[in-house]
Amino acid sequence: MEDKDKPETKAVSLGRMSDEHFGVVNTPVYRASTILYPDLAALKANKQPYTYGRRGTPTTRSFEAAINALEGAARTVTVPSGLNANAVAILSVCGAGDHLLMVDSAYEPTKTFCETTLKRFGVETTYYAPTEDVAPLLKPNTKAVFCESPGSLTFEVQDIPAIAKAAHAKNVSVLMDNTWATPVFFQPLKHGVDLSIQAATKYVGGHADVMLGYVSANDSHAAQLHETHGNLGLYASGDDCFLALRGLRTLPVRLARHQETGLALARWLAARPEVARVLHPALESDPGHALWKRDFSGACGLFGLVLKPAPEAAVAAFVDGLQHFGIGYSWGGFESLIVPAHIRRSTGTFAAEGPVLRLHAGLEDAGDLIADLEKGLARLKEKI
């Protein structure tokens, strides 16, 4: 496998260890706790490839090897969820007395972690607006700047290279939740990020049946990430890594369809009289479009929708009657979803003309999804 190969080629081939498994194309599921040593000398040396289930099996190593290549990483660790990935990434660079800059558009549970557990551990968190210059906010004890671009619920795009330049000038680490784009559409480590974070529960798994996260590190952060991950006793099961590795094989193909359908829905909704605006960085009208076009090679199927003022009953009539959009959290699977977006900001308020909804465009036919939304908007108008 060559680095110049396209993501579509890499996703199919990376992490396959057929020579170790009798020619089997997919690395089998290894469920292991105890792993036997051949003799006391080997036990003392502790240098065999697999030593204890928590430290990895051929299944987890296959997945991590594939992700290393896609991310351009020196080390990847797997954890039980995306939130867990955010937490272990932060804990690998921050400790008692340190300061963390957290983007205000981050995934809400990540913010909750900072305000509760991280605070209890003696780490101070300051929120910054997604488009804010972080340089004046850096303190002598700032250890990390956390980014999420596009932002959760609001889809604001950050200037990651500029943030990395300002942070690294003060020897501050840069962490990024890159779940929206995946390494197929954006490679954080190539844009100055030190720790790239992914909720593999979403697009990597792709089938709404796995909980998994990972953190990928560059050379300078690999050792500390590995140590923190091991000291916390974190482990992702072989079953979940197997499903994620299987999902990885079709990730670029699925993302292309999600992108196509998502943009079709976004453009259709943007022209509707019931809609105030659509939050999608790939739309030319989006404030973050220029940055997105500069740095990203594609868009996924997740975006936001701001309705014009409407009572709760009208929104419920719109959402509850949809046939092809499930009401549920998470995203990135084959199914289309819709949920209200409750946006909490610490750096001000997010100005929304009316109710905000988050949509995920699945793999259904785009025409069927648009027809479903059209009927839903008709129900909304009847209740206004």
Protein backbone atom coordinates (compact mmCIF):
# COMPACT_ATOMS: atom_id res chain seq x y z
CA MET A 1 0.00 0.00 0.00
CA GLU A 2 1.39 3.39 -1.03
CA ASP A 3 0.63 6.70 0.65
CA LYS A 4 -0.42 8.19 -2.69
CA ASP A 5 -3.26 5.67 -2.99
CA LYS A 6 -6.74 7.19 -2.74
CA PRO A 7 -8.91 6.64 0.40
CA GLU A 8 -11.16 4.28 -1.55
CA THR A 9 -8.21 1.98 -2.20
CA LYS A 10 -6.81 2.30 1.29
CA ALA A 11 -10.13 1.55 2.96
CA VAL A 12 -10.40 -1.77 1.13
CA SER A 13 -6.85 -2.93 1.72
CA LEU A 14 -5.51 -1.50 4.97
CA GLY A 15 -5.24 -3.61 8.10
CA ARG A 16 -5.73 -6.91 6.29
CA MET A 17 -3.48 -9.57 7.82
CA SER A 18 -4.41 -12.50 5.57
CA ASP A 19 -0.96 -14.06 5.86
CA GLU A 20 -1.46 -14.46 9.62
CA HIS A 21 -4.92 -16.03 9.32
CA PHE A 22 -4.59 -18.75 6.70
CA GLY A 23 -5.50 -16.42 3.83
CA VAL A 24 -8.77 -15.24 5.36
CA VAL A 25 -9.57 -11.79 3.91
CA ASN A 26 -11.11 -10.35 7.09
CA THR A 27 -9.19 -10.58 10.36
CA PRO A 28 -11.33 -12.86 12.57
CA VAL A 29 -12.84 -11.79 15.88
CA TYR A 30 -10.48 -12.55 18.75
CA ARG A 31 -12.12 -12.64 22.16
CA ALA A 32 -9.28 -12.88 24.62
CA SER A 33 -8.25 -12.05 28.14
CA THR A 34 -5.45 -14.53 28.92
CA ILE A 35 -2.73 -14.98 26.31
CA LEU A 36 -0.19 -17.73 26.98
CA TYR A 37 3.60 -17.35 26.85
CA PRO A 38 5.72 -20.25 25.57
CA ASP A 39 8.17 -20.09 28.51
CA LEU A 40 9.40 -17.98 31.45
CA ALA A 41 11.99 -16.23 29.31
CA ALA A 42 9.26 -14.97 27.00
CA LEU A 43 7.17 -13.91 30.00
CA LYS A 44 10.10 -11.97 31.45
CA ALA A 45 10.89 -10.29 28.13
CA ASN A 46 7.18 -9.47 27.56
CA LYS A 47 7.91 -8.79 23.92
CA GLN A 48 5.58 -11.14 22.10
CA PRO A 49 3.01 -9.39 19.84
CA TYR A 50 0.05 -10.01 22.16
CA THR A 51 0.42 -10.14 25.94
CA TYR A 52 -3.01 -9.62 27.47
CA GLY A 53 -6.44 -9.03 25.97
CA ARG A 54 -6.74 -5.49 27.29
CA ARG A 55 -3.51 -4.57 25.51
CA GLY A 56 -4.86 -5.66 22.13
CA THR A 57 -5.56 -8.66 19.93
CA PRO A 58 -5.09 -9.28 16.21
CA THR A 59 -8.59 -7.85 15.64
CA THR A 60 -7.93 -4.57 17.42
CA ARG A 61 -4.47 -4.28 15.89
CA SER A 62 -5.87 -4.79 12.38
CA PHE A 63 -8.33 -1.96 12.90
CA GLU A 64 -5.73 0.33 14.47
CA ALA A 65 -3.25 -0.36 11.66
CA ALA A 66 -5.84 0.58 9.05
CA ILE A 67 -6.72 3.77 10.89
CA ASN A 68 -3.03 4.68 11.33
CA ALA A 69 -2.61 4.63 7.58
CA LEU A 70 -5.82 6.56 6.84
CA GLU A 71 -5.03 9.20 9.46
CA GLY A 72 -1.29 9.33 8.79
CA ALA A 73 -0.79 8.56 12.47
CA ALA A 74 2.07 7.16 14.53
CA ARG A 75 -0.30 5.47 16.99
CA THR A 76 -4.03 4.82 17.28
CA VAL A 77 -5.86 3.57 20.36
CA THR A 78 -9.40 2.22 20.43
CA VAL A 79 -11.92 2.92 23.18
CA PRO A 80 -15.57 2.00 23.88
CA SER A 81 -17.21 5.20 22.52
CA GLY A 82 -16.65 8.56 20.88
CA LEU A 83 -17.11 10.40 24.17
CA ASN A 84 -14.51 8.09 25.70
CA ALA A 85 -12.17 9.02 22.85
CA ASN A 86 -12.59 12.73 23.59
CA ALA A 87 -11.97 12.11 27.30
CA VAL A 88 -8.82 10.00 26.90
CA ALA A 89 -7.40 12.47 24.37
CA ILE A 90 -7.85 15.35 26.82
CA LEU A 91 -6.52 13.34 29.77
CA SER A 92 -3.41 12.39 27.80
CA VAL A 93 -2.31 16.04 27.62
CA CYS A 94 -4.02 17.77 30.59
CA GLY A 95 -3.56 17.30 34.34
CA ALA A 96 -4.19 19.10 37.62
CA GLY A 97 -3.49 22.82 37.37
CA ASP A 98 -3.66 22.89 33.58
CA HIS A 99 -5.90 24.97 31.34
CA LEU A 100 -7.92 23.72 28.36
CA LEU A 101 -9.43 25.82 25.58
CA MET A 102 -12.65 24.12 24.41
CA VAL A 103 -14.58 25.19 21.32
CA ASP A 104 -18.09 26.26 22.31
CA SER A 105 -19.66 24.31 19.44
CA ALA A 106 -18.34 20.96 20.66
CA TYR A 107 -20.44 17.88 21.27
CA GLU A 108 -22.47 18.60 24.41
CA PRO A 109 -21.34 15.52 26.41
CA THR A 110 -17.72 16.57 25.81
CA LYS A 111 -18.50 19.93 27.37
CA THR A 112 -20.24 18.19 30.28
CA PHE A 113 -17.12 16.08 30.84
CA CYS A 114 -15.05 19.26 31.06
CA GLU A 115 -17.47 20.91 33.49
CA THR A 116 -17.72 17.92 35.83
CA THR A 117 -15.05 15.21 35.86
CA LEU A 118 -12.27 17.32 34.36
CA LYS A 119 -13.03 20.16 36.77
CA ARG A 120 -12.91 17.71 39.67
CA PHE A 121 -9.47 16.63 38.48
CA GLY A 122 -8.26 20.25 38.70
CA VAL A 123 -8.30 21.19 35.01
CA GLU A 124 -9.73 24.61 34.13
CA THR A 125 -11.77 24.91 30.92
CA THR A 126 -12.39 28.11 28.97
CA TYR A 127 -14.78 28.13 26.02
CA TYR A 128 -14.01 30.01 22.84
CA ALA A 129 -16.25 30.82 19.88
CA PRO A 130 -15.67 28.61 16.80
CA THR A 131 -14.33 31.46 14.67
CA GLU A 132 -12.44 33.22 17.47
CA ASP A 133 -8.69 33.83 17.41
CA VAL A 134 -7.32 31.56 20.13
CA ALA A 135 -3.95 33.31 20.48
CA PRO A 136 -5.11 35.94 23.02
CA LEU A 137 -6.85 33.22 25.07
CA LEU A 138 -3.75 31.12 25.65
CA LYS A 139 -2.46 31.20 29.23
CA PRO A 140 0.92 30.12 30.63
CA ASN A 141 -0.75 26.91 31.86
CA THR A 142 -2.76 26.21 28.71
CA LYS A 143 -1.96 22.69 27.59
CA ALA A 144 -4.46 22.07 24.79
CA VAL A 145 -6.91 23.63 22.35
CA PHE A 146 -9.85 21.36 21.53
CA CYS A 147 -11.53 21.77 18.13
CA GLU A 148 -14.58 20.28 16.46
CA SER A 149 -15.11 21.31 12.88
CA PRO A 150 -17.77 21.57 11.63
CA GLY A 151 -19.25 22.13 15.08
CA SER A 152 -21.88 19.95 16.65
CA LEU A 153 -25.45 21.11 15.88
CA THR A 154 -24.39 24.48 14.38
CA PHE A 155 -21.86 23.22 11.80
CA GLU A 156 -19.53 26.21 12.07
CA VAL A 157 -16.16 25.63 10.39
CA GLN A 158 -12.90 26.38 12.19
CA ASP A 159 -9.61 27.48 10.66
CA ILE A 160 -7.65 24.48 11.92
CA PRO A 161 -4.24 25.38 10.42
CA ALA A 162 -4.43 28.89 11.96
CA ILE A 163 -5.41 27.47 15.35
CA ALA A 164 -2.57 24.95 15.19
CA LYS A 165 -0.05 27.66 14.28
CA ALA A 166 -1.10 29.85 17.23
CA ALA A 167 -1.17 26.93 19.66
CA HIS A 168 2.14 25.40 18.64
CA ALA A 169 3.85 28.78 18.94
CA LYS A 170 3.16 28.47 22.68
CA ASN A 171 3.89 24.72 22.83
CA VAL A 172 0.19 23.95 23.22
CA SER A 173 -1.34 20.72 21.86
CA VAL A 174 -4.24 20.71 19.39
CA LEU A 175 -7.00 18.11 19.63
CA MET A 176 -9.84 17.69 17.13
CA ASP A 177 -13.06 15.73 17.01
CA ASN A 178 -13.21 14.88 13.30
CA THR A 179 -16.27 12.60 13.34
CA TRP A 180 -18.25 14.68 10.80
CA ALA A 181 -15.67 14.44 8.01
CA THR A 182 -13.88 11.18 8.94
CA PRO A 183 -10.29 10.80 7.67
CA VAL A 184 -11.73 10.27 4.18
CA PHE A 185 -12.75 13.93 3.82
CA PHE A 186 -10.29 15.58 6.24
CA GLN A 187 -6.99 14.48 7.77
CA PRO A 188 -6.45 16.52 10.97
CA LEU A 189 -2.84 15.44 11.54
CA LYS A 190 -1.88 16.82 8.14
CA HIS A 191 -3.37 20.20 9.11
CA GLY A 192 -1.44 20.64 12.36
CA VAL A 193 -3.60 18.67 14.81
CA ASP A 194 -1.75 16.49 17.34
CA LEU A 195 -4.57 14.14 18.37
CA SER A 196 -7.31 13.23 15.88
CA ILE A 197 -10.50 11.89 17.47
CA GLN A 198 -13.27 9.85 15.90
CA ALA A 199 -16.55 8.43 17.12
CA ALA A 200 -16.31 5.27 15.05
CA THR A 201 -19.84 4.56 16.24
CA LYS A 202 -20.92 6.88 13.43
CA TYR A 203 -19.70 6.61 9.83
CA VAL A 204 -16.85 4.17 10.35
CA GLY A 205 -19.18 1.54 11.79
CA GLY A 206 -21.93 2.76 9.49
CA HIS A 207 -24.68 0.35 10.45
CA ALA A 208 -26.04 1.65 13.78
CA ASP A 209 -24.87 -1.45 15.63
CA VAL A 210 -21.49 -0.65 17.17
CA MET A 211 -20.17 1.62 19.94
CA LEU A 212 -16.53 2.56 19.36
CA GLY A 213 -14.11 5.46 19.41
CA TYR A 214 -10.48 6.00 18.57
CA VAL A 215 -7.71 8.56 19.00
CA SER A 216 -4.85 8.87 16.52
CA ALA A 217 -1.63 10.62 17.49
CA ASN A 218 1.28 12.16 15.65
CA ASP A 219 4.87 11.22 16.56
CA SER A 220 5.19 13.71 19.41
CA HIS A 221 1.99 12.59 21.17
CA ALA A 222 2.01 8.85 20.48
CA ALA A 223 3.85 7.70 23.62
CA GLN A 224 1.75 9.74 26.06
CA LEU A 225 -1.49 8.66 24.39
CA HIS A 226 -0.43 5.01 24.56
CA GLU A 227 0.52 5.34 28.24
CA THR A 228 -2.70 7.12 29.24
CA HIS A 229 -4.84 4.63 27.34
CA GLY A 230 -3.11 1.71 29.06
CA ASN A 231 -3.18 3.26 32.53
CA LEU A 232 -6.91 3.86 32.29
CA GLY A 233 -7.51 0.21 31.42
CA LEU A 234 -9.43 1.05 28.28
CA TYR A 235 -10.36 -1.68 25.85
CA ALA A 236 -12.56 -2.03 22.78
CA SER A 237 -13.93 -5.50 22.14
CA GLY A 238 -12.82 -7.63 19.23
CA ASP A 239 -16.43 -7.85 18.06
CA ASP A 240 -16.77 -4.06 17.84
CA CYS A 241 -13.40 -3.65 16.12
CA PHE A 242 -14.34 -6.36 13.63
CA LEU A 243 -17.60 -4.55 12.79
CA ALA A 244 -15.79 -1.22 12.49
CA LEU A 245 -13.12 -2.72 10.24
CA ARG A 246 -15.85 -4.22 8.06
CA GLY A 247 -17.58 -0.83 7.94
CA LEU A 248 -14.31 0.82 7.00
CA ARG A 249 -14.18 -1.19 3.77
CA THR A 250 -17.25 0.58 2.40
CA LEU A 251 -16.78 3.95 4.16
CA PRO A 252 -15.76 6.03 1.10
CA VAL A 253 -18.57 4.56 -1.00
CA ARG A 254 -21.18 5.21 1.67
CA LEU A 255 -19.89 8.73 2.35
CA ALA A 256 -20.22 9.61 -1.33
CA ARG A 257 -23.90 8.64 -1.22
CA HIS A 258 -24.49 10.41 2.12
CA GLN A 259 -22.89 13.54 0.66
CA GLU A 260 -24.96 13.45 -2.51
CA THR A 261 -28.25 12.93 -0.70
CA GLY A 262 -27.42 15.37 2.08
CA LEU A 263 -26.68 18.16 -0.38
CA ALA A 264 -29.84 17.39 -2.36
CA LEU A 265 -31.94 17.69 0.80
CA ALA A 266 -30.08 20.79 1.99
CA ARG A 267 -30.57 22.64 -1.30
CA TRP A 268 -34.23 21.66 -1.48
CA LEU A 269 -34.85 22.78 2.09
CA ALA A 270 -32.99 26.07 1.58
CA ALA A 271 -35.55 27.02 -1.07
CA ARG A 272 -38.59 26.27 1.11
CA PRO A 273 -40.61 29.20 2.51
CA GLU A 274 -40.93 27.47 5.90
CA VAL A 275 -37.13 27.39 6.32
CA ALA A 276 -35.11 30.34 7.61
CA ARG A 277 -31.74 28.80 6.70
CA VAL A 278 -29.84 25.58 6.34
CA LEU A 279 -26.65 24.92 8.33
CA HIS A 280 -24.41 23.06 5.90
CA PRO A 281 -20.82 24.18 5.16
CA ALA A 282 -20.86 22.69 1.66
CA LEU A 283 -23.58 25.15 0.62
CA GLU A 284 -22.15 28.20 -1.12
CA SER A 285 -24.31 30.44 1.08
CA ASP A 286 -22.86 29.06 4.33
CA PRO A 287 -20.53 31.43 6.26
CA GLY A 288 -17.96 28.66 6.63
CA HIS A 289 -18.03 27.53 3.02
CA ALA A 290 -14.70 29.09 1.99
CA LEU A 291 -12.82 27.38 4.83
CA TRP A 292 -14.62 24.11 4.17
CA LYS A 293 -13.78 24.25 0.45
CA ARG A 294 -10.14 25.04 1.23
CA ASP A 295 -9.54 22.23 3.72
CA PHE A 296 -12.12 19.48 3.18
CA SER A 297 -12.50 17.13 0.25
CA GLY A 298 -16.15 16.32 0.90
CA ALA A 299 -19.16 16.53 3.17
CA CYS A 300 -21.11 13.87 5.02
CA GLY A 301 -24.89 13.57 5.38
CA LEU A 302 -25.27 15.48 8.65
CA PHE A 303 -26.49 19.08 8.68
CA GLY A 304 -28.79 21.50 10.47
CA LEU A 305 -32.04 23.24 9.65
CA VAL A 306 -33.43 26.46 11.15
CA LEU A 307 -37.17 26.81 10.69
CA LYS A 308 -39.00 30.09 10.66
CA PRO A 309 -40.85 30.76 13.93
CA ALA A 310 -43.29 27.94 14.62
CA PRO A 311 -45.05 26.61 17.72
CA GLU A 312 -43.95 23.34 19.27
CA ALA A 313 -47.12 21.60 18.09
CA ALA A 314 -46.33 22.49 14.49
CA VAL A 315 -42.78 21.17 14.78
CA ALA A 316 -44.14 17.98 16.34
CA ALA A 317 -46.60 17.56 13.47
CA PHE A 318 -43.73 17.93 11.01
CA VAL A 319 -41.37 15.50 12.72
CA ASP A 320 -43.74 12.91 14.17
CA GLY A 321 -45.38 12.09 10.84
CA LEU A 322 -42.17 11.50 8.89
CA GLN A 323 -41.97 8.00 7.46
CA HIS A 324 -38.32 7.80 6.43
CA PHE A 325 -36.66 9.82 9.20
CA GLY A 326 -36.29 8.15 12.56
CA ILE A 327 -36.33 10.24 15.74
CA GLY A 328 -33.16 9.25 17.53
CA TYR A 329 -29.68 10.26 18.60
CA SER A 330 -26.43 9.27 16.93
CA TRP A 331 -25.97 9.40 13.17
CA GLY A 332 -23.70 8.04 10.46
CA GLY A 333 -25.66 4.84 9.89
CA PHE A 334 -27.58 3.80 6.80
CA GLU A 335 -30.82 5.29 8.15
CA SER A 336 -32.05 8.89 7.98
CA LEU A 337 -32.65 10.64 11.30
CA ILE A 338 -34.07 13.89 12.66
CA VAL A 339 -33.92 15.41 16.16
CA PRO A 340 -34.46 18.85 17.71
CA ALA A 341 -31.19 20.68 18.37
CA HIS A 342 -30.93 22.29 21.79
CA ILE A 343 -27.92 24.60 21.57
CA ARG A 344 -26.17 25.79 24.75
CA ARG A 345 -23.45 28.38 24.38
CA SER A 346 -21.06 29.86 26.93
CA THR A 347 -19.57 32.52 24.63
CA GLY A 348 -22.91 34.11 23.76
CA THR A 349 -26.07 32.82 22.13
CA PHE A 350 -26.58 31.10 18.82
CA ALA A 351 -29.02 33.31 16.95
CA ALA A 352 -31.75 31.17 15.44
CA GLU A 353 -34.86 32.58 13.78
CA GLY A 354 -36.93 29.62 14.90
CA PRO A 355 -36.67 25.96 15.99
CA VAL A 356 -33.45 24.16 15.03
CA LEU A 357 -33.45 20.58 13.80
CA ARG A 358 -30.55 18.25 12.99
CA LEU A 359 -30.95 15.92 10.02
CA HIS A 360 -28.94 12.94 8.92
CA ALA A 361 -29.36 11.89 5.30
CA GLY A 362 -29.16 8.12 5.11
CA LEU A 363 -28.86 5.80 2.14
CA GLU A 364 -32.51 5.92 1.11
CA ASP A 365 -33.55 7.38 -2.24
CA ALA A 366 -33.23 11.17 -2.15
CA GLY A 367 -36.55 11.66 -3.94
CA ASP A 368 -38.36 9.58 -1.34
CA LEU A 369 -36.77 11.59 1.46
CA ILE A 370 -37.71 14.92 -0.15
CA ALA A 371 -41.30 13.75 -0.65
CA ASP A 372 -41.42 12.79 3.03
CA LEU A 373 -40.10 16.21 4.08
CA GLU A 374 -42.54 17.98 1.78
CA LYS A 375 -45.50 16.27 3.45
CA GLY A 376 -44.00 17.10 6.82
CA LEU A 377 -43.71 20.79 6.01
CA ALA A 378 -47.32 20.76 4.83
CA ARG A 379 -48.32 19.41 8.26
CA LEU A 380 -46.24 22.12 9.90
CA LYS A 381 -48.02 24.88 7.93
CA GLU A 382 -51.41 23.51 8.97
CA LYS A 383 -50.50 23.97 12.65
CA ILE A 384 -49.19 27.54 12.35
